[in-house]
Structure formats: structure tokens, C-alpha cells
C-alpha atoms as a PDB file:
ATOM      1  CA  MET A   1       8.309  -3.352  -0.039  1.00  0.00           C
ATOM      2  CA  SER A   2       5.868  -2.209  -2.554  1.00  0.00           C
ATOM      3  CA  GLY A   3       3.213  -4.165  -3.861  1.00  0.00           C
ATOM      4  CA  LEU A   4      -0.155  -4.989  -3.264  1.00  0.00           C
ATOM      5  CA  SER A   5       0.271  -6.289   0.094  1.00  0.00           C
ATOM      6  CA  PHE A   6       3.100  -6.681   2.715  1.00  0.00           C
ATOM      7  CA  GLU A   7       3.811  -9.342   5.394  1.00  0.00           C
ATOM      8  CA  GLN A   8       5.608  -9.748   8.430  1.00  0.00           C
ATOM      9  CA  ALA A   9       6.071 -11.894  11.423  1.00  0.00           C
ATOM     10  CA  LEU A  10       5.307 -10.306  14.769  1.00  0.00           C
ATOM     11  CA  CYS A  11       6.176 -11.276  18.512  1.00  0.00           C
ATOM     12  CA  ILE A  12       5.538  -9.598  21.719  1.00  0.00           C
ATOM     13  CA  ASP A  13       8.034 -10.666  24.126  1.00  0.00           C
ATOM     14  CA  ALA A  14       7.124 -11.906  27.997  1.00  0.00           C
ATOM     15  CA  ARG A  15       8.866  -8.848  29.698  1.00  0.00           C
ATOM     16  CA  HIS A  16       6.600  -6.161  27.274  1.00  0.00           C
ATOM     17  CA  PRO A  17       5.446  -3.292  30.216  1.00  0.00           C
ATOM     18  CA  ALA A  18       1.977  -3.869  29.116  1.00  0.00           C
ATOM     19  CA  LEU A  19       1.631  -7.508  29.745  1.00  0.00           C
ATOM     20  CA  ALA A  20       1.640  -7.009  33.362  1.00  0.00           C
ATOM     21  CA  GLY A  21      -2.096  -5.427  33.931  1.00  0.00           C
ATOM     22  CA  HIS A  22      -3.379  -7.490  30.794  1.00  0.00           C
ATOM     23  CA  PHE A  23      -3.735 -10.199  33.044  1.00  0.00           C
ATOM     24  CA  PRO A  24      -1.930 -11.043  35.878  1.00  0.00           C
ATOM     25  CA  GLY A  25      -0.882 -14.689  36.402  1.00  0.00           C
ATOM     26  CA  GLN A  26      -2.117 -14.721  32.488  1.00  0.00           C
ATOM     27  CA  PRO A  27      -0.751 -12.679  29.876  1.00  0.00           C
ATOM     28  CA  LEU A  28      -2.483 -11.688  26.628  1.00  0.00           C
ATOM     29  CA  VAL A  29      -0.951  -9.046  24.255  1.00  0.00           C
ATOM     30  CA  PRO A  30      -3.388  -6.274  24.193  1.00  0.00           C
ATOM     31  CA  GLY A  31      -5.395  -5.675  21.169  1.00  0.00           C
ATOM     32  CA  VAL A  32      -4.186  -1.961  21.436  1.00  0.00           C
ATOM     33  CA  ILE A  33      -0.205  -3.537  21.204  1.00  0.00           C
ATOM     34  CA  LEU A  34      -1.474  -5.295  18.011  1.00  0.00           C
ATOM     35  CA  LEU A  35      -2.601  -1.922  16.412  1.00  0.00           C
ATOM     36  CA  GLU A  36       0.908  -0.708  17.315  1.00  0.00           C
ATOM     37  CA  GLN A  37       2.340  -3.140  15.355  1.00  0.00           C
ATOM     38  CA  LEU A  38       0.207  -2.205  12.235  1.00  0.00           C
ATOM     39  CA  ALA A  39       0.935   0.967  12.947  1.00  0.00           C
ATOM     40  CA  LEU A  40       4.374   0.210  12.579  1.00  0.00           C
ATOM     41  CA  ALA A  41       4.163  -2.002   9.131  1.00  0.00           C
ATOM     42  CA  LEU A  42       2.048   0.343   7.574  1.00  0.00           C
ATOM     43  CA  ARG A  43       5.013   2.812   8.240  1.00  0.00           C
ATOM     44  CA  ALA A  44       7.728   0.210   7.194  1.00  0.00           C
ATOM     45  CA  TRP A  45       5.433  -0.160   4.083  1.00  0.00           C
ATOM     46  CA  ARG A  46       4.373   2.376   2.614  1.00  0.00           C
ATOM     47  CA  GLY A  47       5.976   5.643   5.255  1.00  0.00           C
ATOM     48  CA  GLN A  48       2.758   6.314   6.223  1.00  0.00           C
ATOM     49  CA  ALA A  49       1.182   7.339   9.851  1.00  0.00           C
ATOM     50  CA  LEU A  50      -1.946   5.527  11.125  1.00  0.00           C
ATOM     51  CA  ALA A  51      -4.576   7.472  11.125  1.00  0.00           C
ATOM     52  CA  GLY A  52      -7.656   5.436  11.826  1.00  0.00           C
ATOM     53  CA  VAL A  53      -9.097   1.978  12.563  1.00  0.00           C
ATOM     54  CA  PRO A  54     -12.709   2.301  11.130  1.00  0.00           C
ATOM     55  CA  GLU A  55     -12.821  -1.741  11.625  1.00  0.00           C
ATOM     56  CA  ALA A  56     -11.197  -4.246  13.936  1.00  0.00           C
ATOM     57  CA  LYS A  57     -12.292  -7.564  15.193  1.00  0.00           C
ATOM     58  CA  PHE A  58     -10.385  -9.307  17.992  1.00  0.00           C
ATOM     59  CA  VAL A  59     -11.382 -13.175  17.553  1.00  0.00           C
ATOM     60  CA  ALA A  60      -8.365 -14.833  19.513  1.00  0.00           C
ATOM     61  CA  ALA A  61      -5.657 -14.075  21.982  1.00  0.00           C
ATOM     62  CA  LEU A  62      -2.298 -14.529  20.940  1.00  0.00           C
ATOM     63  CA  LEU A  63       0.309 -15.090  24.015  1.00  0.00           C
ATOM     64  CA  PRO A  64       3.211 -13.370  24.765  1.00  0.00           C
ATOM     65  CA  ASP A  65       6.263 -15.000  23.034  1.00  0.00           C
ATOM     66  CA  GLN A  66       3.988 -16.782  20.745  1.00  0.00           C
ATOM     67  CA  VAL A  67       5.251 -15.922  16.697  1.00  0.00           C
ATOM     68  CA  ALA A  68       2.016 -14.566  14.810  1.00  0.00           C
ATOM     69  CA  ALA A  69       1.872 -13.176  10.987  1.00  0.00           C
ATOM     70  CA  LEU A  70       0.735  -9.799  10.273  1.00  0.00           C
ATOM     71  CA  ARG A  71      -0.426  -9.004   6.877  1.00  0.00           C
ATOM     72  CA  LEU A  72      -1.462  -5.784   5.127  1.00  0.00           C
ATOM     73  CA  THR A  73      -3.496  -5.376   2.069  1.00  0.00           C
ATOM     74  CA  GLU A  74      -4.385  -2.821  -0.069  1.00  0.00           C
ATOM     75  CA  ALA A  75      -8.106  -1.726   0.063  1.00  0.00           C
ATOM     76  CA  ASP A  76      -8.400   1.710  -1.736  1.00  0.00           C
ATOM     77  CA  ALA A  77      -5.537   3.313  -2.840  1.00  0.00           C
ATOM     78  CA  GLU A  78      -6.903   6.341  -3.084  1.00  0.00           C
ATOM     79  CA  ARG A  79      -8.392   6.686   0.216  1.00  0.00           C
ATOM     80  CA  SER A  80      -5.212   5.093   1.474  1.00  0.00           C
ATOM     81  CA  ARG A  81      -7.582   1.940   3.200  1.00  0.00           C
ATOM     82  CA  PHE A  82      -5.704  -1.044   4.044  1.00  0.00           C
ATOM     83  CA  ARG A  83      -7.490  -4.315   5.200  1.00  0.00           C
ATOM     84  CA  PHE A  84      -5.362  -6.488   7.599  1.00  0.00           C
ATOM     85  CA  GLU A  85      -5.347  -9.751   8.932  1.00  0.00           C
ATOM     86  CA  ILE A  86      -3.365 -11.119  12.054  1.00  0.00           C
ATOM     87  CA  ARG A  87      -2.933 -15.228  12.043  1.00  0.00           C
ATOM     88  CA  ARG A  88      -1.121 -17.331  14.125  1.00  0.00           C
ATOM     89  CA  ASP A  89      -0.670 -21.178  12.835  1.00  0.00           C
ATOM     90  CA  GLY A  90      -3.766 -20.335  10.369  1.00  0.00           C
ATOM     91  CA  ILE A  91      -5.637 -19.389  13.311  1.00  0.00           C
ATOM     92  CA  LEU A  92      -7.609 -15.633  12.017  1.00  0.00           C
ATOM     93  CA  LEU A  93      -6.638 -13.460  15.515  1.00  0.00           C
ATOM     94  CA  ALA A  94      -7.798  -9.976  14.198  1.00  0.00           C
ATOM     95  CA  ARG A  95      -8.775  -8.674  10.961  1.00  0.00           C
ATOM     96  CA  GLY A  96     -10.683  -5.244  10.102  1.00  0.00           C
ATOM     97  CA  MET A  97      -9.000  -2.201   8.331  1.00  0.00           C
ATOM     98  CA  ILE A  98      -6.648   0.701   8.648  1.00  0.00           C
ATOM     99  CA  GLU A  99      -6.327   4.125   7.637  1.00  0.00           C
ATOM    100  CA  GLY A 100      -2.741   5.700   6.511  1.00  0.00           C
ATOM    101  CA  ALA A 101      -1.853   9.284   6.375  1.00  0.00           C
ATOM    102  CA  ALA A 102       0.898  10.774   4.897  1.00  0.00           C
END
């Protein structure tokens, strides 16, 4: 997929091994798992590895098995910088900026 933006659905299975410790009895999807999903999306969209996360704000929780929408938007093509948002049912869960590398 090319263009100035990329969107995909994401859903973290309740059996994901990172959820057992985050938090026992009331699991939340850890921010690092959301960042991993951003890295995978960047690779799928632009064929780039995630090189950095200069800005990230997690404002609401994603629970296991909930479906969310991940969106990457080109911010600075020369510096391979992309804005991201993750939303569930229109509610902002996370936003920020990532950097890619070839």
C-alpha cells in the first residue's frame, strides 16, 4: 500500500504471553505491544524498520480481544517520520510520532 497514510485493524489475543503480568486479573495491552504493532505496520506499509519513537502518548487502555484501528500518516518523508494514532470505537488510545529506517 502506498500513499500518505496507512490504516489497519489490530486485536491482541487474550492469550498473548505479555498479558499475564500486565495486570493479573485485569489485563491491559501494554504500550510496548502497541509499539510493536506500529513497527509491524510500518514494515508492511513502507518496508522500513522502526528506528525510533520520539513521541508517544498513551491516553486510554486497550483490553485484550478489543479491536482497534491503527493509522500511520506521513509527517516528514525526508526524515522518515510518521504520525500515528490508535483508536477504538473512535476513542483515542495512543498518538505520537515514529521514525523509520531502511
